[in-house]
Amino acid sequence: MYLSIATGEIVSLHQADDCTRLHLALQGIAIDGADAALRRAGLGEMRGHDGAILEVAALRELAERVATESGWSEAWDAMIRYAGRKGWLSDDGRTVEVHVER
């Protein structure tokens, strides 16, 4: 799954059923615009040009609305555990660090 932000500063979720990857895609938008869009949506914030910090609960809520695969919840949990093992999950489990693709 991934989030995208385009020129209009609209945050969109794509491929919610794919819990094998998680990133943020920016399409023709500056970092400050992407940061504002994430904050406005309650999904997180930018961390420089190459990373973002996303709110786990808000992202899960957004993805759960459109996910259709049976076993999605277990796949989500596995993705978050993997992020924790890699050091991408905050100590309290509230946020996850993701990379940015342009």
PDB file of N, CA and C in Angstrom:
ATOM      1  N   MET A   1       0.844  -1.164   0.000  1.00  0.00           N
ATOM      2  CA  MET A   1       0.000   0.000   0.000  1.00  0.00           C
ATOM      3  C   MET A   1       0.888   1.225   0.000  1.00  0.00           C
ATOM      4  N   TYR A   2       0.331   2.305  -0.474  1.00  0.00           N
ATOM      5  CA  TYR A   2       1.083   3.543  -0.413  1.00  0.00           C
ATOM      6  C   TYR A   2       0.135   4.728  -0.432  1.00  0.00           C
ATOM      7  N   LEU A   3       0.623   5.823   0.094  1.00  0.00           N
ATOM      8  CA  LEU A   3      -0.078   7.102   0.034  1.00  0.00           C
ATOM      9  C   LEU A   3       0.539   7.913  -1.081  1.00  0.00           C
ATOM     10  N   SER A   4      -0.264   8.720  -1.729  1.00  0.00           N
ATOM     11  CA  SER A   4       0.280   9.654  -2.710  1.00  0.00           C
ATOM     12  C   SER A   4      -0.265  11.039  -2.428  1.00  0.00           C
ATOM     13  N   ILE A   5       0.544  12.017  -2.781  1.00  0.00           N
ATOM     14  CA  ILE A   5       0.136  13.417  -2.689  1.00  0.00           C
ATOM     15  C   ILE A   5       0.551  14.071  -3.993  1.00  0.00           C
ATOM     16  N   ALA A   6      -0.397  14.693  -4.652  1.00  0.00           N
ATOM     17  CA  ALA A   6      -0.124  15.356  -5.923  1.00  0.00           C
ATOM     18  C   ALA A   6      -0.250  16.865  -5.750  1.00  0.00           C
ATOM     19  N   THR A   7      -0.149  17.572  -6.826  1.00  0.00           N
ATOM     20  CA  THR A   7      -0.121  19.029  -6.821  1.00  0.00           C
ATOM     21  C   THR A   7      -1.241  19.669  -6.001  1.00  0.00           C
ATOM     22  N   GLY A   8      -2.430  19.116  -6.023  1.00  0.00           N
ATOM     23  CA  GLY A   8      -3.564  19.700  -5.295  1.00  0.00           C
ATOM     24  C   GLY A   8      -3.543  19.454  -3.805  1.00  0.00           C
ATOM     25  N   GLU A   9      -2.479  18.841  -3.290  1.00  0.00           N
ATOM     26  CA  GLU A   9      -2.313  18.545  -1.863  1.00  0.00           C
ATOM     27  C   GLU A   9      -3.394  17.616  -1.313  1.00  0.00           C
ATOM     28  N   ILE A  10      -3.893  16.728  -2.169  1.00  0.00           N
ATOM     29  CA  ILE A  10      -4.861  15.717  -1.743  1.00  0.00           C
ATOM     30  C   ILE A  10      -4.101  14.424  -1.463  1.00  0.00           C
ATOM     31  N   VAL A  11      -4.314  13.864  -0.280  1.00  0.00           N
ATOM     32  CA  VAL A  11      -3.672  12.603   0.097  1.00  0.00           C
ATOM     33  C   VAL A  11      -4.592  11.460  -0.319  1.00  0.00           C
ATOM     34  N   SER A  12      -4.046  10.516  -1.083  1.00  0.00           N
ATOM     35  CA  SER A  12      -4.818   9.362  -1.545  1.00  0.00           C
ATOM     36  C   SER A  12      -4.113   8.080  -1.129  1.00  0.00           C
ATOM     37  N   LEU A  13      -4.915   7.075  -0.799  1.00  0.00           N
ATOM     38  CA  LEU A  13      -4.391   5.756  -0.461  1.00  0.00           C
ATOM     39  C   LEU A  13      -4.578   4.830  -1.661  1.00  0.00           C
ATOM     40  N   HIS A  14      -3.561   4.039  -1.956  1.00  0.00           N
ATOM     41  CA  HIS A  14      -3.598   3.124  -3.090  1.00  0.00           C
ATOM     42  C   HIS A  14      -3.201   1.718  -2.637  1.00  0.00           C
ATOM     43  N   GLN A  15      -3.784   0.719  -3.262  1.00  0.00           N
ATOM     44  CA  GLN A  15      -3.439  -0.684  -3.049  1.00  0.00           C
ATOM     45  C   GLN A  15      -3.461  -1.083  -1.572  1.00  0.00           C
ATOM     46  N   ALA A  16      -4.571  -0.773  -0.929  1.00  0.00           N
ATOM     47  CA  ALA A  16      -4.709  -1.025   0.511  1.00  0.00           C
ATOM     48  C   ALA A  16      -4.532  -2.491   0.884  1.00  0.00           C
ATOM     49  N   ASP A  17      -4.822  -3.393  -0.034  1.00  0.00           N
ATOM     50  CA  ASP A  17      -4.701  -4.818   0.280  1.00  0.00           C
ATOM     51  C   ASP A  17      -3.256  -5.308   0.274  1.00  0.00           C
ATOM     52  N   ASP A  18      -2.342  -4.536  -0.264  1.00  0.00           N
ATOM     53  CA  ASP A  18      -0.938  -4.941  -0.348  1.00  0.00           C
ATOM     54  C   ASP A  18      -0.184  -4.485   0.898  1.00  0.00           C
ATOM     55  N   CYS A  19      -0.096  -5.363   1.866  1.00  0.00           N
ATOM     56  CA  CYS A  19       0.598  -5.041   3.121  1.00  0.00           C
ATOM     57  C   CYS A  19       2.045  -5.511   3.101  1.00  0.00           C
ATOM     58  N   THR A  20       2.612  -5.651   1.913  1.00  0.00           N
ATOM     59  CA  THR A  20       4.012  -6.054   1.808  1.00  0.00           C
ATOM     60  C   THR A  20       4.915  -4.863   1.574  1.00  0.00           C
ATOM     61  N   ARG A  21       4.340  -3.685   1.445  1.00  0.00           N
ATOM     62  CA  ARG A  21       5.143  -2.471   1.241  1.00  0.00           C
ATOM     63  C   ARG A  21       4.342  -1.276   1.721  1.00  0.00           C
ATOM     64  N   LEU A  22       5.062  -0.240   2.082  1.00  0.00           N
ATOM     65  CA  LEU A  22       4.426   0.988   2.543  1.00  0.00           C
ATOM     66  C   LEU A  22       5.364   2.146   2.241  1.00  0.00           C
ATOM     67  N   HIS A  23       4.869   3.117   1.493  1.00  0.00           N
ATOM     68  CA  HIS A  23       5.672   4.299   1.192  1.00  0.00           C
ATOM     69  C   HIS A  23       4.762   5.479   0.860  1.00  0.00           C
ATOM     70  N   LEU A  24       5.372   6.614   0.639  1.00  0.00           N
ATOM     71  CA  LEU A  24       4.671   7.832   0.249  1.00  0.00           C
ATOM     72  C   LEU A  24       5.203   8.249  -1.108  1.00  0.00           C
ATOM     73  N   ALA A  25       4.306   8.472  -2.060  1.00  0.00           N
ATOM     74  CA  ALA A  25       4.682   8.918  -3.397  1.00  0.00           C
ATOM     75  C   ALA A  25       4.278  10.386  -3.566  1.00  0.00           C
ATOM     76  N   LEU A  26       5.235  11.206  -3.970  1.00  0.00           N
ATOM     77  CA  LEU A  26       4.962  12.625  -4.223  1.00  0.00           C
ATOM     78  C   LEU A  26       4.995  12.858  -5.729  1.00  0.00           C
ATOM     79  N   GLN A  27       3.989  13.562  -6.213  1.00  0.00           N
ATOM     80  CA  GLN A  27       3.864  13.794  -7.641  1.00  0.00           C
ATOM     81  C   GLN A  27       3.710  15.287  -7.908  1.00  0.00           C
ATOM     82  N   GLY A  28       4.823  15.941  -8.213  1.00  0.00           N
ATOM     83  CA  GLY A  28       4.783  17.349  -8.564  1.00  0.00           C
ATOM     84  C   GLY A  28       4.409  18.281  -7.426  1.00  0.00           C
ATOM     85  N   ILE A  29       4.769  17.910  -6.211  1.00  0.00           N
ATOM     86  CA  ILE A  29       4.445  18.733  -5.046  1.00  0.00           C
ATOM     87  C   ILE A  29       5.714  18.953  -4.224  1.00  0.00           C
ATOM     88  N   ALA A  30       5.857  20.145  -3.697  1.00  0.00           N
ATOM     89  CA  ALA A  30       7.004  20.485  -2.852  1.00  0.00           C
ATOM     90  C   ALA A  30       6.841  19.847  -1.475  1.00  0.00           C
ATOM     91  N   ILE A  31       7.953  19.694  -0.772  1.00  0.00           N
ATOM     92  CA  ILE A  31       7.957  19.073   0.555  1.00  0.00           C
ATOM     93  C   ILE A  31       7.033  19.809   1.524  1.00  0.00           C
ATOM     94  N   ASP A  32       7.061  21.138   1.509  1.00  0.00           N
ATOM     95  CA  ASP A  32       6.210  21.874   2.453  1.00  0.00           C
ATOM     96  C   ASP A  32       4.729  21.658   2.155  1.00  0.00           C
ATOM     97  N   GLY A  33       4.360  21.536   0.887  1.00  0.00           N
ATOM     98  CA  GLY A  33       2.977  21.241   0.522  1.00  0.00           C
ATOM     99  C   GLY A  33       2.571  19.841   0.946  1.00  0.00           C
ATOM    100  N   ALA A  34       3.480  18.879   0.778  1.00  0.00           N
ATOM    101  CA  ALA A  34       3.220  17.500   1.205  1.00  0.00           C
ATOM    102  C   ALA A  34       3.074  17.433   2.719  1.00  0.00           C
ATOM    103  N   ASP A  35       3.928  18.159   3.429  1.00  0.00           N
ATOM    104  CA  ASP A  35       3.850  18.192   4.892  1.00  0.00           C
ATOM    105  C   ASP A  35       2.504  18.755   5.332  1.00  0.00           C
ATOM    106  N   ALA A  36       2.092  19.853   4.723  1.00  0.00           N
ATOM    107  CA  ALA A  36       0.806  20.469   5.069  1.00  0.00           C
ATOM    108  C   ALA A  36      -0.353  19.515   4.796  1.00  0.00           C
ATOM    109  N   ALA A  37      -0.299  18.805   3.674  1.00  0.00           N
ATOM    110  CA  ALA A  37      -1.370  17.873   3.329  1.00  0.00           C
ATOM    111  C   ALA A  37      -1.450  16.720   4.324  1.00  0.00           C
ATOM    112  N   LEU A  38      -0.303  16.148   4.704  1.00  0.00           N
ATOM    113  CA  LEU A  38      -0.298  15.062   5.683  1.00  0.00           C
ATOM    114  C   LEU A  38      -0.837  15.521   7.025  1.00  0.00           C
ATOM    115  N   ARG A  39      -0.402  16.682   7.458  1.00  0.00           N
ATOM    116  CA  ARG A  39      -0.864  17.208   8.748  1.00  0.00           C
ATOM    117  C   ARG A  39      -2.366  17.489   8.725  1.00  0.00           C
ATOM    118  N   ARG A  40      -2.835  18.104   7.648  1.00  0.00           N
ATOM    119  CA  ARG A  40      -4.256  18.437   7.512  1.00  0.00           C
ATOM    120  C   ARG A  40      -5.112  17.166   7.532  1.00  0.00           C
ATOM    121  N   ALA A  41      -4.620  16.095   6.930  1.00  0.00           N
ATOM    122  CA  ALA A  41      -5.350  14.829   6.882  1.00  0.00           C
ATOM    123  C   ALA A  41      -5.221  14.030   8.186  1.00  0.00           C
ATOM    124  N   GLY A  42      -4.357  14.497   9.102  1.00  0.00           N
ATOM    125  CA  GLY A  42      -4.146  13.775  10.352  1.00  0.00           C
ATOM    126  C   GLY A  42      -3.379  12.474  10.168  1.00  0.00           C
ATOM    127  N   LEU A  43      -2.583  12.415   9.083  1.00  0.00           N
ATOM    128  CA  LEU A  43      -1.861  11.187   8.764  1.00  0.00           C
ATOM    129  C   LEU A  43      -0.388  11.218   9.123  1.00  0.00           C
ATOM    130  N   GLY A  44       0.171  12.395   9.408  1.00  0.00           N
ATOM    131  CA  GLY A  44       1.576  12.441   9.766  1.00  0.00           C
ATOM    132  C   GLY A  44       2.252  13.712   9.331  1.00  0.00           C
ATOM    133  N   GLU A  45       3.550  13.594   9.029  1.00  0.00           N
ATOM    134  CA  GLU A  45       4.350  14.749   8.647  1.00  0.00           C
ATOM    135  C   GLU A  45       5.569  14.299   7.853  1.00  0.00           C
ATOM    136  N   MET A  46       6.110  15.215   7.100  1.00  0.00           N
ATOM    137  CA  MET A  46       7.332  14.944   6.341  1.00  0.00           C
ATOM    138  C   MET A  46       8.538  15.020   7.267  1.00  0.00           C
ATOM    139  N   ARG A  47       9.557  14.245   6.929  1.00  0.00           N
ATOM    140  CA  ARG A  47      10.842  14.292   7.606  1.00  0.00           C
ATOM    141  C   ARG A  47      11.906  14.481   6.532  1.00  0.00           C
ATOM    142  N   GLY A  48      12.153  15.704   6.181  1.00  0.00           N
ATOM    143  CA  GLY A  48      13.113  15.994   5.132  1.00  0.00           C
ATOM    144  C   GLY A  48      12.558  15.641   3.768  1.00  0.00           C
ATOM    145  N   HIS A  49      13.454  15.408   2.817  1.00  0.00           N
ATOM    146  CA  HIS A  49      13.052  15.128   1.441  1.00  0.00           C
ATOM    147  C   HIS A  49      12.825  13.646   1.170  1.00  0.00           C
ATOM    148  N   ASP A  50      13.367  12.778   2.014  1.00  0.00           N
ATOM    149  CA  ASP A  50      13.343  11.356   1.715  1.00  0.00           C
ATOM    150  C   ASP A  50      12.472  10.519   2.632  1.00  0.00           C
ATOM    151  N   GLY A  51      11.836  11.137   3.615  1.00  0.00           N
ATOM    152  CA  GLY A  51      11.066  10.346   4.564  1.00  0.00           C
ATOM    153  C   GLY A  51       9.846  11.066   5.092  1.00  0.00           C
ATOM    154  N   ALA A  52       8.965  10.264   5.675  1.00  0.00           N
ATOM    155  CA  ALA A  52       7.767  10.792   6.319  1.00  0.00           C
ATOM    156  C   ALA A  52       7.475   9.925   7.538  1.00  0.00           C
ATOM    157  N   ILE A  53       6.800  10.522   8.494  1.00  0.00           N
ATOM    158  CA  ILE A  53       6.342   9.826   9.684  1.00  0.00           C
ATOM    159  C   ILE A  53       4.825   9.769   9.586  1.00  0.00           C
ATOM    160  N   LEU A  54       4.277   8.549   9.593  1.00  0.00           N
ATOM    161  CA  LEU A  54       2.834   8.376   9.464  1.00  0.00           C
ATOM    162  C   LEU A  54       2.231   7.876  10.768  1.00  0.00           C
ATOM    163  N   GLU A  55       1.032   8.323  11.052  1.00  0.00           N
ATOM    164  CA  GLU A  55       0.279   7.892  12.227  1.00  0.00           C
ATOM    165  C   GLU A  55      -0.315   6.516  11.939  1.00  0.00           C
ATOM    166  N   VAL A  56       0.098   5.511  12.684  1.00  0.00           N
ATOM    167  CA  VAL A  56      -0.315   4.138  12.429  1.00  0.00           C
ATOM    168  C   VAL A  56      -1.832   3.981  12.518  1.00  0.00           C
ATOM    169  N   ALA A  57      -2.444   4.485  13.565  1.00  0.00           N
ATOM    170  CA  ALA A  57      -3.890   4.307  13.745  1.00  0.00           C
ATOM    171  C   ALA A  57      -4.685   4.991  12.634  1.00  0.00           C
ATOM    172  N   ALA A  58      -4.280   6.193  12.257  1.00  0.00           N
ATOM    173  CA  ALA A  58      -4.991   6.912  11.199  1.00  0.00           C
ATOM    174  C   ALA A  58      -4.837   6.207   9.860  1.00  0.00           C
ATOM    175  N   LEU A  59      -3.635   5.709   9.581  1.00  0.00           N
ATOM    176  CA  LEU A  59      -3.405   4.989   8.331  1.00  0.00           C
ATOM    177  C   LEU A  59      -4.208   3.692   8.299  1.00  0.00           C
ATOM    178  N   ARG A  60      -4.229   2.989   9.404  1.00  0.00           N
ATOM    179  CA  ARG A  60      -5.007   1.735   9.462  1.00  0.00           C
ATOM    180  C   ARG A  60      -6.486   2.019   9.241  1.00  0.00           C
ATOM    181  N   GLU A  61      -6.996   3.036   9.886  1.00  0.00           N
ATOM    182  CA  GLU A  61      -8.411   3.376   9.725  1.00  0.00           C
ATOM    183  C   GLU A  61      -8.736   3.678   8.258  1.00  0.00           C
ATOM    184  N   LEU A  62      -7.880   4.423   7.609  1.00  0.00           N
ATOM    185  CA  LEU A  62      -8.074   4.763   6.201  1.00  0.00           C
ATOM    186  C   LEU A  62      -8.024   3.506   5.330  1.00  0.00           C
ATOM    187  N   ALA A  63      -7.037   2.656   5.566  1.00  0.00           N
ATOM    188  CA  ALA A  63      -6.871   1.456   4.753  1.00  0.00           C
ATOM    189  C   ALA A  63      -7.985   0.442   4.992  1.00  0.00           C
ATOM    190  N   GLU A  64      -8.421   0.310   6.232  1.00  0.00           N
ATOM    191  CA  GLU A  64      -9.476  -0.655   6.563  1.00  0.00           C
ATOM    192  C   GLU A  64     -10.766  -0.374   5.807  1.00  0.00           C
ATOM    193  N   ARG A  65     -11.028   0.882   5.537  1.00  0.00           N
ATOM    194  CA  ARG A  65     -12.258   1.265   4.829  1.00  0.00           C
ATOM    195  C   ARG A  65     -12.331   0.694   3.420  1.00  0.00           C
ATOM    196  N   VAL A  66     -11.182   0.493   2.790  1.00  0.00           N
ATOM    197  CA  VAL A  66     -11.183   0.068   1.388  1.00  0.00           C
ATOM    198  C   VAL A  66     -10.551  -1.302   1.160  1.00  0.00           C
ATOM    199  N   ALA A  67      -9.921  -1.870   2.162  1.00  0.00           N
ATOM    200  CA  ALA A  67      -9.305  -3.192   2.013  1.00  0.00           C
ATOM    201  C   ALA A  67     -10.385  -4.243   1.795  1.00  0.00           C
ATOM    202  N   THR A  68     -10.099  -5.198   0.925  1.00  0.00           N
ATOM    203  CA  THR A  68     -11.091  -6.220   0.598  1.00  0.00           C
ATOM    204  C   THR A  68     -10.587  -7.639   0.819  1.00  0.00           C
ATOM    205  N   GLU A  69      -9.300  -7.841   0.983  1.00  0.00           N
ATOM    206  CA  GLU A  69      -8.729  -9.178   1.133  1.00  0.00           C
ATOM    207  C   GLU A  69      -9.112  -9.794   2.481  1.00  0.00           C
ATOM    208  N   SER A  70      -9.474 -11.072   2.448  1.00  0.00           N
ATOM    209  CA  SER A  70      -9.675 -11.761   3.721  1.00  0.00           C
ATOM    210  C   SER A  70      -8.301 -11.889   4.371  1.00  0.00           C
ATOM    211  N   GLY A  71      -8.245 -11.787   5.654  1.00  0.00           N
ATOM    212  CA  GLY A  71      -6.968 -11.846   6.352  1.00  0.00           C
ATOM    213  C   GLY A  71      -6.204 -10.533   6.327  1.00  0.00           C
ATOM    214  N   TRP A  72      -6.869  -9.469   5.899  1.00  0.00           N
ATOM    215  CA  TRP A  72      -6.187  -8.172   5.799  1.00  0.00           C
ATOM    216  C   TRP A  72      -5.638  -7.720   7.145  1.00  0.00           C
ATOM    217  N   SER A  73      -6.410  -7.865   8.183  1.00  0.00           N
ATOM    218  CA  SER A  73      -5.994  -7.403   9.508  1.00  0.00           C
ATOM    219  C   SER A  73      -4.700  -8.095   9.954  1.00  0.00           C
ATOM    220  N   GLU A  74      -4.604  -9.385   9.694  1.00  0.00           N
ATOM    221  CA  GLU A  74      -3.395 -10.126  10.046  1.00  0.00           C
ATOM    222  C   GLU A  74      -2.208  -9.654   9.202  1.00  0.00           C
ATOM    223  N   ALA A  75      -2.464  -9.386   7.928  1.00  0.00           N
ATOM    224  CA  ALA A  75      -1.399  -8.882   7.051  1.00  0.00           C
ATOM    225  C   ALA A  75      -0.936  -7.500   7.516  1.00  0.00           C
ATOM    226  N   TRP A  76      -1.867  -6.660   7.915  1.00  0.00           N
ATOM    227  CA  TRP A  76      -1.522  -5.338   8.450  1.00  0.00           C
ATOM    228  C   TRP A  76      -0.632  -5.496   9.679  1.00  0.00           C
ATOM    229  N   ASP A  77      -1.070  -6.330  10.614  1.00  0.00           N
ATOM    230  CA  ASP A  77      -0.301  -6.534  11.840  1.00  0.00           C
ATOM    231  C   ASP A  77       1.110  -7.032  11.535  1.00  0.00           C
ATOM    232  N   ALA A  78       1.231  -7.930  10.569  1.00  0.00           N
ATOM    233  CA  ALA A  78       2.550  -8.442  10.180  1.00  0.00           C
ATOM    234  C   ALA A  78       3.409  -7.325   9.601  1.00  0.00           C
ATOM    235  N   MET A  79       2.802  -6.440   8.808  1.00  0.00           N
ATOM    236  CA  MET A  79       3.543  -5.320   8.226  1.00  0.00           C
ATOM    237  C   MET A  79       4.075  -4.397   9.333  1.00  0.00           C
ATOM    238  N   ILE A  80       3.255  -4.122  10.317  1.00  0.00           N
ATOM    239  CA  ILE A  80       3.661  -3.236  11.408  1.00  0.00           C
ATOM    240  C   ILE A  80       4.730  -3.911  12.271  1.00  0.00           C
ATOM    241  N   ARG A  81       4.602  -5.205  12.519  1.00  0.00           N
ATOM    242  CA  ARG A  81       5.650  -5.924  13.261  1.00  0.00           C
ATOM    243  C   ARG A  81       6.973  -5.876  12.498  1.00  0.00           C
ATOM    244  N   TYR A  82       6.919  -6.052  11.202  1.00  0.00           N
ATOM    245  CA  TYR A  82       8.128  -5.982  10.371  1.00  0.00           C
ATOM    246  C   TYR A  82       8.765  -4.596  10.492  1.00  0.00           C
ATOM    247  N   ALA A  83       7.939  -3.561  10.415  1.00  0.00           N
ATOM    248  CA  ALA A  83       8.450  -2.193  10.570  1.00  0.00           C
ATOM    249  C   ALA A  83       9.127  -2.028  11.925  1.00  0.00           C
ATOM    250  N   GLY A  84       8.553  -2.629  12.954  1.00  0.00           N
ATOM    251  CA  GLY A  84       9.156  -2.568  14.282  1.00  0.00           C
ATOM    252  C   GLY A  84      10.514  -3.245  14.329  1.00  0.00           C
ATOM    253  N   ARG A  85      10.624  -4.407  13.700  1.00  0.00           N
ATOM    254  CA  ARG A  85      11.906  -5.130  13.678  1.00  0.00           C
ATOM    255  C   ARG A  85      12.972  -4.342  12.920  1.00  0.00           C
ATOM    256  N   LYS A  86      12.561  -3.585  11.929  1.00  0.00           N
ATOM    257  CA  LYS A  86      13.499  -2.796  11.126  1.00  0.00           C
ATOM    258  C   LYS A  86      13.846  -1.457  11.778  1.00  0.00           C
ATOM    259  N   GLY A  87      13.178  -1.118  12.884  1.00  0.00           N
ATOM    260  CA  GLY A  87      13.447   0.145  13.564  1.00  0.00           C
ATOM    261  C   GLY A  87      12.673   1.317  12.993  1.00  0.00           C
ATOM    262  N   TRP A  88      11.661   1.054  12.192  1.00  0.00           N
ATOM    263  CA  TRP A  88      10.872   2.120  11.567  1.00  0.00           C
ATOM    264  C   TRP A  88       9.660   2.525  12.395  1.00  0.00           C
ATOM    265  N   LEU A  89       9.335   1.741  13.406  1.00  0.00           N
ATOM    266  CA  LEU A  89       8.188   2.010  14.265  1.00  0.00           C
ATOM    267  C   LEU A  89       8.663   2.758  15.507  1.00  0.00           C
ATOM    268  N   SER A  90       7.896   3.773  15.915  1.00  0.00           N
ATOM    269  CA  SER A  90       8.264   4.505  17.133  1.00  0.00           C
ATOM    270  C   SER A  90       8.173   3.566  18.330  1.00  0.00           C
ATOM    271  N   ASP A  91       8.846   3.925  19.415  1.00  0.00           N
ATOM    272  CA  ASP A  91       8.850   3.088  20.615  1.00  0.00           C
ATOM    273  C   ASP A  91       7.447   2.817  21.147  1.00  0.00           C
ATOM    274  N   ASP A  92       6.559   3.792  21.018  1.00  0.00           N
ATOM    275  CA  ASP A  92       5.196   3.618  21.512  1.00  0.00           C
ATOM    276  C   ASP A  92       4.266   2.999  20.471  1.00  0.00           C
ATOM    277  N   GLY A  93       4.764   2.739  19.260  1.00  0.00           N
ATOM    278  CA  GLY A  93       3.970   2.104  18.220  1.00  0.00           C
ATOM    279  C   GLY A  93       2.969   3.013  17.536  1.00  0.00           C
ATOM    280  N   ARG A  94       3.017   4.291  17.829  1.00  0.00           N
ATOM    281  CA  ARG A  94       2.028   5.217  17.265  1.00  0.00           C
ATOM    282  C   ARG A  94       2.374   5.702  15.865  1.00  0.00           C
ATOM    283  N   THR A  95       3.663   5.720  15.518  1.00  0.00           N
ATOM    284  CA  THR A  95       4.055   6.214  14.207  1.00  0.00           C
ATOM    285  C   THR A  95       5.024   5.254  13.524  1.00  0.00           C
ATOM    286  N   VAL A  96       5.037   5.341  12.196  1.00  0.00           N
ATOM    287  CA  VAL A  96       5.939   4.519  11.396  1.00  0.00           C
ATOM    288  C   VAL A  96       6.624   5.409  10.378  1.00  0.00           C
ATOM    289  N   GLU A  97       7.920   5.207  10.221  1.00  0.00           N
ATOM    290  CA  GLU A  97       8.698   5.967   9.260  1.00  0.00           C
ATOM    291  C   GLU A  97       8.646   5.282   7.901  1.00  0.00           C
ATOM    292  N   VAL A  98       8.379   6.048   6.862  1.00  0.00           N
ATOM    293  CA  VAL A  98       8.319   5.497   5.501  1.00  0.00           C
ATOM    294  C   VAL A  98       9.214   6.316   4.581  1.00  0.00           C
ATOM    295  N   HIS A  99       9.635   5.709   3.492  1.00  0.00           N
ATOM    296  CA  HIS A  99      10.438   6.429   2.514  1.00  0.00           C
ATOM    297  C   HIS A  99       9.530   7.125   1.497  1.00  0.00           C
ATOM    298  N   VAL A 100      10.107   8.085   0.831  1.00  0.00           N
ATOM    299  CA  VAL A 100       9.359   8.886  -0.152  1.00  0.00           C
ATOM    300  C   VAL A 100       9.871   8.555  -1.541  1.00  0.00           C
ATOM    301  N   GLU A 101       8.939   8.304  -2.442  1.00  0.00           N
ATOM    302  CA  GLU A 101       9.274   8.107  -3.845  1.00  0.00           C
ATOM    303  C   GLU A 101       8.761   9.292  -4.634  1.00  0.00           C
ATOM    304  N   ARG A 102       9.520   9.702  -5.624  1.00  0.00           N
ATOM    305  CA  ARG A 102       9.113  10.824  -6.483  1.00  0.00           C
ATOM    306  C   ARG A 102       8.917  10.345  -7.894  1.00  0.00           C
TER     307      ARG A 102
END
